[in-house]
Amino acid sequence: MILDEGTSALDEQTAGEIESELLKLEKLTLLTVTHHLKKAEEYDEVVTLREGKLEGKLY
Protein backbone atom coordinates (compact mmCIF):
# COMPACT_ATOMS: atom_id res chain seq x y z
CA MET A 1 0.00 0.00 0.00
CA ILE A 2 1.26 3.45 -0.84
CA LEU A 3 0.04 6.07 1.60
CA ASP A 4 0.79 9.49 0.11
CA GLU A 5 -0.09 12.10 2.75
CA GLY A 6 -2.91 9.69 3.61
CA THR A 7 -3.61 11.10 7.06
CA SER A 8 -2.68 14.74 6.51
CA ALA A 9 -6.26 15.98 6.89
CA LEU A 10 -6.75 14.17 10.21
CA ASP A 11 -5.99 15.23 13.75
CA GLU A 12 -2.67 13.99 15.13
CA GLN A 13 -4.15 11.32 17.42
CA THR A 14 -6.38 9.75 14.75
CA ALA A 15 -3.58 9.87 12.17
CA GLY A 16 -1.23 8.10 14.61
CA GLU A 17 -3.80 5.42 15.41
CA ILE A 18 -4.42 4.67 11.72
CA GLU A 19 -0.70 4.54 10.97
CA SER A 20 -0.06 2.20 13.91
CA GLU A 21 -2.86 -0.14 12.87
CA LEU A 22 -1.58 -0.32 9.28
CA LEU A 23 1.94 -1.05 10.52
CA LYS A 24 0.63 -4.00 12.57
CA LEU A 25 -0.67 -5.81 9.46
CA GLU A 26 1.88 -8.58 8.85
CA LYS A 27 1.12 -9.21 5.18
CA LEU A 28 1.12 -5.55 4.20
CA THR A 29 4.04 -3.66 2.76
CA LEU A 30 3.45 0.00 3.55
CA LEU A 31 5.22 2.84 1.77
CA THR A 32 4.39 6.14 3.42
CA VAL A 33 5.10 9.51 1.83
CA THR A 34 4.73 12.30 4.36
CA HIS A 35 6.03 15.64 5.54
CA HIS A 36 5.22 14.79 9.18
CA LEU A 37 6.50 11.38 10.27
CA LYS A 38 5.17 10.58 13.75
CA LYS A 39 5.86 6.84 14.07
CA ALA A 40 9.38 6.59 12.60
CA GLU A 41 10.47 4.00 15.15
CA GLU A 42 7.67 1.65 14.03
CA TYR A 43 8.93 1.43 10.43
CA ASP A 44 11.57 -1.06 9.24
CA GLU A 45 13.35 1.66 7.31
CA VAL A 46 13.04 5.43 6.93
CA VAL A 47 14.68 7.44 4.17
CA THR A 48 14.44 11.14 3.46
CA LEU A 49 14.47 13.09 0.24
CA ARG A 50 16.58 16.21 0.60
CA GLU A 51 17.39 18.49 -2.33
CA GLY A 52 16.36 15.76 -4.76
CA LYS A 53 18.57 13.05 -3.24
CA LEU A 54 17.66 10.10 -1.04
CA GLU A 55 19.44 10.09 2.30
CA GLY A 56 20.14 6.97 4.30
CA LYS A 57 18.33 5.00 6.90
CA LEU A 58 17.40 6.95 10.02
CA TYR A 59 16.05 4.09 12.16
PDB file of N, CA and C in Angstrom:
ATOM      1  N   MET A   1       0.851  -1.160   0.000  1.00  0.00           N
ATOM      2  CA  MET A   1       0.000   0.000   0.000  1.00  0.00           C
ATOM      3  C   MET A   1       0.900   1.226   0.000  1.00  0.00           C
ATOM      4  N   ILE A   2       0.555   2.176  -0.847  1.00  0.00           N
ATOM      5  CA  ILE A   2       1.261   3.453  -0.840  1.00  0.00           C
ATOM      6  C   ILE A   2       0.341   4.475  -0.194  1.00  0.00           C
ATOM      7  N   LEU A   3       0.801   5.067   0.862  1.00  0.00           N
ATOM      8  CA  LEU A   3       0.043   6.066   1.600  1.00  0.00           C
ATOM      9  C   LEU A   3       0.724   7.409   1.379  1.00  0.00           C
ATOM     10  N   ASP A   4       0.189   8.208   0.464  1.00  0.00           N
ATOM     11  CA  ASP A   4       0.790   9.492   0.110  1.00  0.00           C
ATOM     12  C   ASP A   4       0.018  10.599   0.813  1.00  0.00           C
ATOM     13  N   GLU A   5       0.578  11.088   1.922  1.00  0.00           N
ATOM     14  CA  GLU A   5      -0.092  12.099   2.753  1.00  0.00           C
ATOM     15  C   GLU A   5      -1.498  11.626   3.122  1.00  0.00           C
ATOM     16  N   GLY A   6      -1.617  10.336   3.382  1.00  0.00           N
ATOM     17  CA  GLY A   6      -2.908   9.694   3.612  1.00  0.00           C
ATOM     18  C   GLY A   6      -3.648  10.137   4.857  1.00  0.00           C
ATOM     19  N   THR A   7      -2.942  10.679   5.827  1.00  0.00           N
ATOM     20  CA  THR A   7      -3.610  11.103   7.057  1.00  0.00           C
ATOM     21  C   THR A   7      -3.422  12.595   7.315  1.00  0.00           C
ATOM     22  N   SER A   8      -3.003  13.326   6.312  1.00  0.00           N
ATOM     23  CA  SER A   8      -2.675  14.740   6.506  1.00  0.00           C
ATOM     24  C   SER A   8      -3.870  15.601   6.913  1.00  0.00           C
ATOM     25  N   ALA A   9      -5.073  15.185   6.563  1.00  0.00           N
ATOM     26  CA  ALA A   9      -6.258  15.984   6.892  1.00  0.00           C
ATOM     27  C   ALA A   9      -6.862  15.594   8.245  1.00  0.00           C
ATOM     28  N   LEU A  10      -6.218  14.654   8.938  1.00  0.00           N
ATOM     29  CA  LEU A  10      -6.753  14.170  10.210  1.00  0.00           C
ATOM     30  C   LEU A  10      -6.024  14.799  11.387  1.00  0.00           C
ATOM     31  N   ASP A  11      -6.666  14.757  12.548  1.00  0.00           N
ATOM     32  CA  ASP A  11      -5.988  15.234  13.747  1.00  0.00           C
ATOM     33  C   ASP A  11      -4.845  14.273  14.078  1.00  0.00           C
ATOM     34  N   GLU A  12      -3.887  14.739  14.848  1.00  0.00           N
ATOM     35  CA  GLU A  12      -2.667  13.986  15.130  1.00  0.00           C
ATOM     36  C   GLU A  12      -2.937  12.633  15.784  1.00  0.00           C
ATOM     37  N   GLN A  13      -3.858  12.574  16.728  1.00  0.00           N
ATOM     38  CA  GLN A  13      -4.154  11.320  17.425  1.00  0.00           C
ATOM     39  C   GLN A  13      -4.740  10.285  16.465  1.00  0.00           C
ATOM     40  N   THR A  14      -5.745  10.680  15.683  1.00  0.00           N
ATOM     41  CA  THR A  14      -6.377   9.753  14.748  1.00  0.00           C
ATOM     42  C   THR A  14      -5.382   9.291  13.692  1.00  0.00           C
ATOM     43  N   ALA A  15      -4.588  10.216  13.175  1.00  0.00           N
ATOM     44  CA  ALA A  15      -3.577   9.869  12.174  1.00  0.00           C
ATOM     45  C   ALA A  15      -2.597   8.838  12.743  1.00  0.00           C
ATOM     46  N   GLY A  16      -2.150   9.040  13.967  1.00  0.00           N
ATOM     47  CA  GLY A  16      -1.228   8.099  14.613  1.00  0.00           C
ATOM     48  C   GLY A  16      -1.842   6.737  14.823  1.00  0.00           C
ATOM     49  N   GLU A  17      -3.108   6.694  15.195  1.00  0.00           N
ATOM     50  CA  GLU A  17      -3.799   5.421  15.406  1.00  0.00           C
ATOM     51  C   GLU A  17      -3.928   4.645  14.099  1.00  0.00           C
ATOM     52  N   ILE A  18      -4.284   5.332  13.030  1.00  0.00           N
ATOM     53  CA  ILE A  18      -4.420   4.672  11.725  1.00  0.00           C
ATOM     54  C   ILE A  18      -3.068   4.139  11.263  1.00  0.00           C
ATOM     55  N   GLU A  19      -2.041   4.956  11.380  1.00  0.00           N
ATOM     56  CA  GLU A  19      -0.701   4.543  10.973  1.00  0.00           C
ATOM     57  C   GLU A  19      -0.242   3.325  11.770  1.00  0.00           C
ATOM     58  N   SER A  20      -0.459   3.333  13.063  1.00  0.00           N
ATOM     59  CA  SER A  20      -0.062   2.204  13.909  1.00  0.00           C
ATOM     60  C   SER A  20      -0.792   0.927  13.521  1.00  0.00           C
ATOM     61  N   GLU A  21      -2.076   1.037  13.257  1.00  0.00           N
ATOM     62  CA  GLU A  21      -2.863  -0.144  12.871  1.00  0.00           C
ATOM     63  C   GLU A  21      -2.389  -0.707  11.534  1.00  0.00           C
ATOM     64  N   LEU A  22      -2.094   0.155  10.575  1.00  0.00           N
ATOM     65  CA  LEU A  22      -1.582  -0.320   9.285  1.00  0.00           C
ATOM     66  C   LEU A  22      -0.236  -1.005   9.456  1.00  0.00           C
ATOM     67  N   LEU A  23       0.619  -0.474  10.299  1.00  0.00           N
ATOM     68  CA  LEU A  23       1.942  -1.048  10.519  1.00  0.00           C
ATOM     69  C   LEU A  23       1.882  -2.409  11.217  1.00  0.00           C
ATOM     70  N   LYS A  24       0.794  -2.709  11.891  1.00  0.00           N
ATOM     71  CA  LYS A  24       0.632  -3.997  12.571  1.00  0.00           C
ATOM     72  C   LYS A  24       0.260  -5.123  11.616  1.00  0.00           C
ATOM     73  N   LEU A  25      -0.224  -4.792  10.421  1.00  0.00           N
ATOM     74  CA  LEU A  25      -0.665  -5.813   9.465  1.00  0.00           C
ATOM     75  C   LEU A  25       0.549  -6.527   8.880  1.00  0.00           C
ATOM     76  N   GLU A  26       0.686  -7.813   9.204  1.00  0.00           N
ATOM     77  CA  GLU A  26       1.884  -8.577   8.850  1.00  0.00           C
ATOM     78  C   GLU A  26       2.065  -8.777   7.351  1.00  0.00           C
ATOM     79  N   LYS A  27       0.996  -8.927   6.610  1.00  0.00           N
ATOM     80  CA  LYS A  27       1.119  -9.213   5.184  1.00  0.00           C
ATOM     81  C   LYS A  27       0.970  -7.962   4.333  1.00  0.00           C
ATOM     82  N   LEU A  28       1.239  -6.810   4.909  1.00  0.00           N
ATOM     83  CA  LEU A  28       1.116  -5.548   4.197  1.00  0.00           C
ATOM     84  C   LEU A  28       2.471  -4.861   4.133  1.00  0.00           C
ATOM     85  N   THR A  29       2.877  -4.512   2.933  1.00  0.00           N
ATOM     86  CA  THR A  29       4.040  -3.656   2.760  1.00  0.00           C
ATOM     87  C   THR A  29       3.508  -2.238   2.639  1.00  0.00           C
ATOM     88  N   LEU A  30       3.961  -1.363   3.499  1.00  0.00           N
ATOM     89  CA  LEU A  30       3.452   0.003   3.549  1.00  0.00           C
ATOM     90  C   LEU A  30       4.563   0.975   3.188  1.00  0.00           C
ATOM     91  N   LEU A  31       4.323   1.768   2.162  1.00  0.00           N
ATOM     92  CA  LEU A  31       5.222   2.838   1.766  1.00  0.00           C
ATOM     93  C   LEU A  31       4.502   4.138   2.060  1.00  0.00           C
ATOM     94  N   THR A  32       5.037   4.903   2.982  1.00  0.00           N
ATOM     95  CA  THR A  32       4.390   6.139   3.417  1.00  0.00           C
ATOM     96  C   THR A  32       5.188   7.344   2.943  1.00  0.00           C
ATOM     97  N   VAL A  33       4.504   8.247   2.264  1.00  0.00           N
ATOM     98  CA  VAL A  33       5.096   9.509   1.835  1.00  0.00           C
ATOM     99  C   VAL A  33       4.461  10.589   2.690  1.00  0.00           C
ATOM    100  N   THR A  34       5.288  11.322   3.442  1.00  0.00           N
ATOM    101  CA  THR A  34       4.731  12.303   4.360  1.00  0.00           C
ATOM    102  C   THR A  34       5.725  13.431   4.645  1.00  0.00           C
ATOM    103  N   HIS A  35       5.197  14.540   5.067  1.00  0.00           N
ATOM    104  CA  HIS A  35       6.029  15.645   5.537  1.00  0.00           C
ATOM    105  C   HIS A  35       6.132  15.623   7.066  1.00  0.00           C
ATOM    106  N   HIS A  36       5.293  14.819   7.711  1.00  0.00           N
ATOM    107  CA  HIS A  36       5.220  14.790   9.183  1.00  0.00           C
ATOM    108  C   HIS A  36       5.221  13.350   9.671  1.00  0.00           C
ATOM    109  N   LEU A  37       6.382  12.763   9.819  1.00  0.00           N
ATOM    110  CA  LEU A  37       6.499  11.383  10.268  1.00  0.00           C
ATOM    111  C   LEU A  37       6.404  11.328  11.785  1.00  0.00           C
ATOM    112  N   LYS A  38       5.391  10.661  12.296  1.00  0.00           N
ATOM    113  CA  LYS A  38       5.174  10.583  13.748  1.00  0.00           C
ATOM    114  C   LYS A  38       5.637   9.251  14.332  1.00  0.00           C
ATOM    115  N   LYS A  39       5.600   8.193  13.557  1.00  0.00           N
ATOM    116  CA  LYS A  39       5.861   6.845  14.070  1.00  0.00           C
ATOM    117  C   LYS A  39       7.123   6.249  13.459  1.00  0.00           C
ATOM    118  N   ALA A  40       8.161   7.040  13.287  1.00  0.00           N
ATOM    119  CA  ALA A  40       9.376   6.593  12.599  1.00  0.00           C
ATOM    120  C   ALA A  40       9.935   5.300  13.202  1.00  0.00           C
ATOM    121  N   GLU A  41       9.893   5.179  14.497  1.00  0.00           N
ATOM    122  CA  GLU A  41      10.466   4.000  15.153  1.00  0.00           C
ATOM    123  C   GLU A  41       9.687   2.722  14.851  1.00  0.00           C
ATOM    124  N   GLU A  42       8.474   2.824  14.341  1.00  0.00           N
ATOM    125  CA  GLU A  42       7.668   1.649  14.033  1.00  0.00           C
ATOM    126  C   GLU A  42       7.921   1.108  12.618  1.00  0.00           C
ATOM    127  N   TYR A  43       8.634   1.859  11.790  1.00  0.00           N
ATOM    128  CA  TYR A  43       8.930   1.431  10.426  1.00  0.00           C
ATOM    129  C   TYR A  43      10.214   0.624  10.386  1.00  0.00           C
ATOM    130  N   ASP A  44      10.338  -0.280   9.413  1.00  0.00           N
ATOM    131  CA  ASP A  44      11.566  -1.057   9.242  1.00  0.00           C
ATOM    132  C   ASP A  44      12.691  -0.177   8.723  1.00  0.00           C
ATOM    133  N   GLU A  45      12.347   0.775   7.882  1.00  0.00           N
ATOM    134  CA  GLU A  45      13.353   1.663   7.306  1.00  0.00           C
ATOM    135  C   GLU A  45      12.722   3.011   7.007  1.00  0.00           C
ATOM    136  N   VAL A  46      13.495   4.065   7.222  1.00  0.00           N
ATOM    137  CA  VAL A  46      13.040   5.426   6.931  1.00  0.00           C
ATOM    138  C   VAL A  46      14.134   6.106   6.107  1.00  0.00           C
ATOM    139  N   VAL A  47      13.740   6.660   4.975  1.00  0.00           N
ATOM    140  CA  VAL A  47      14.677   7.440   4.170  1.00  0.00           C
ATOM    141  C   VAL A  47      14.064   8.814   3.941  1.00  0.00           C
ATOM    142  N   THR A  48      14.924   9.791   3.714  1.00  0.00           N
ATOM    143  CA  THR A  48      14.436  11.143   3.462  1.00  0.00           C
ATOM    144  C   THR A  48      14.891  11.593   2.083  1.00  0.00           C
ATOM    145  N   LEU A  49      14.121  12.477   1.504  1.00  0.00           N
ATOM    146  CA  LEU A  49      14.469  13.094   0.240  1.00  0.00           C
ATOM    147  C   LEU A  49      14.843  14.535   0.547  1.00  0.00           C
ATOM    148  N   ARG A  50      16.095  14.864   0.307  1.00  0.00           N
ATOM    149  CA  ARG A  50      16.583  16.208   0.600  1.00  0.00           C
ATOM    150  C   ARG A  50      17.303  16.737  -0.632  1.00  0.00           C
ATOM    151  N   GLU A  51      16.815  17.857  -1.137  1.00  0.00           N
ATOM    152  CA  GLU A  51      17.386  18.490  -2.328  1.00  0.00           C
ATOM    153  C   GLU A  51      17.479  17.509  -3.491  1.00  0.00           C
ATOM    154  N   GLY A  52      16.436  16.686  -3.644  1.00  0.00           N
ATOM    155  CA  GLY A  52      16.363  15.761  -4.764  1.00  0.00           C
ATOM    156  C   GLY A  52      17.162  14.489  -4.621  1.00  0.00           C
ATOM    157  N   LYS A  53      17.768  14.248  -3.454  1.00  0.00           N
ATOM    158  CA  LYS A  53      18.570  13.045  -3.237  1.00  0.00           C
ATOM    159  C   LYS A  53      18.069  12.284  -2.027  1.00  0.00           C
ATOM    160  N   LEU A  54      18.046  10.947  -2.160  1.00  0.00           N
ATOM    161  CA  LEU A  54      17.658  10.104  -1.036  1.00  0.00           C
ATOM    162  C   LEU A  54      18.789  10.042  -0.033  1.00  0.00           C
ATOM    163  N   GLU A  55      18.453  10.229   1.223  1.00  0.00           N
ATOM    164  CA  GLU A  55      19.436  10.092   2.297  1.00  0.00           C
ATOM    165  C   GLU A  55      19.157   8.798   3.031  1.00  0.00           C
ATOM    166  N   GLY A  56      20.150   8.294   3.702  1.00  0.00           N
ATOM    167  CA  GLY A  56      20.136   6.966   4.300  1.00  0.00           C
ATOM    168  C   GLY A  56      19.110   6.705   5.375  1.00  0.00           C
ATOM    169  N   LYS A  57      19.213   5.523   5.872  1.00  0.00           N
ATOM    170  CA  LYS A  57      18.332   4.996   6.896  1.00  0.00           C
ATOM    171  C   LYS A  57      18.486   5.811   8.187  1.00  0.00           C
ATOM    172  N   LEU A  58      17.355   6.188   8.772  1.00  0.00           N
ATOM    173  CA  LEU A  58      17.402   6.952  10.018  1.00  0.00           C
ATOM    174  C   LEU A  58      17.131   6.079  11.233  1.00  0.00           C
ATOM    175  N   TYR A  59      16.384   4.989  11.044  1.00  0.00           N
ATOM    176  CA  TYR A  59      16.055   4.086  12.164  1.00  0.00           C
ATOM    177  C   TYR A  59      16.361   2.677  11.772  1.00  0.00           C
TER     178      TYR A  59
END
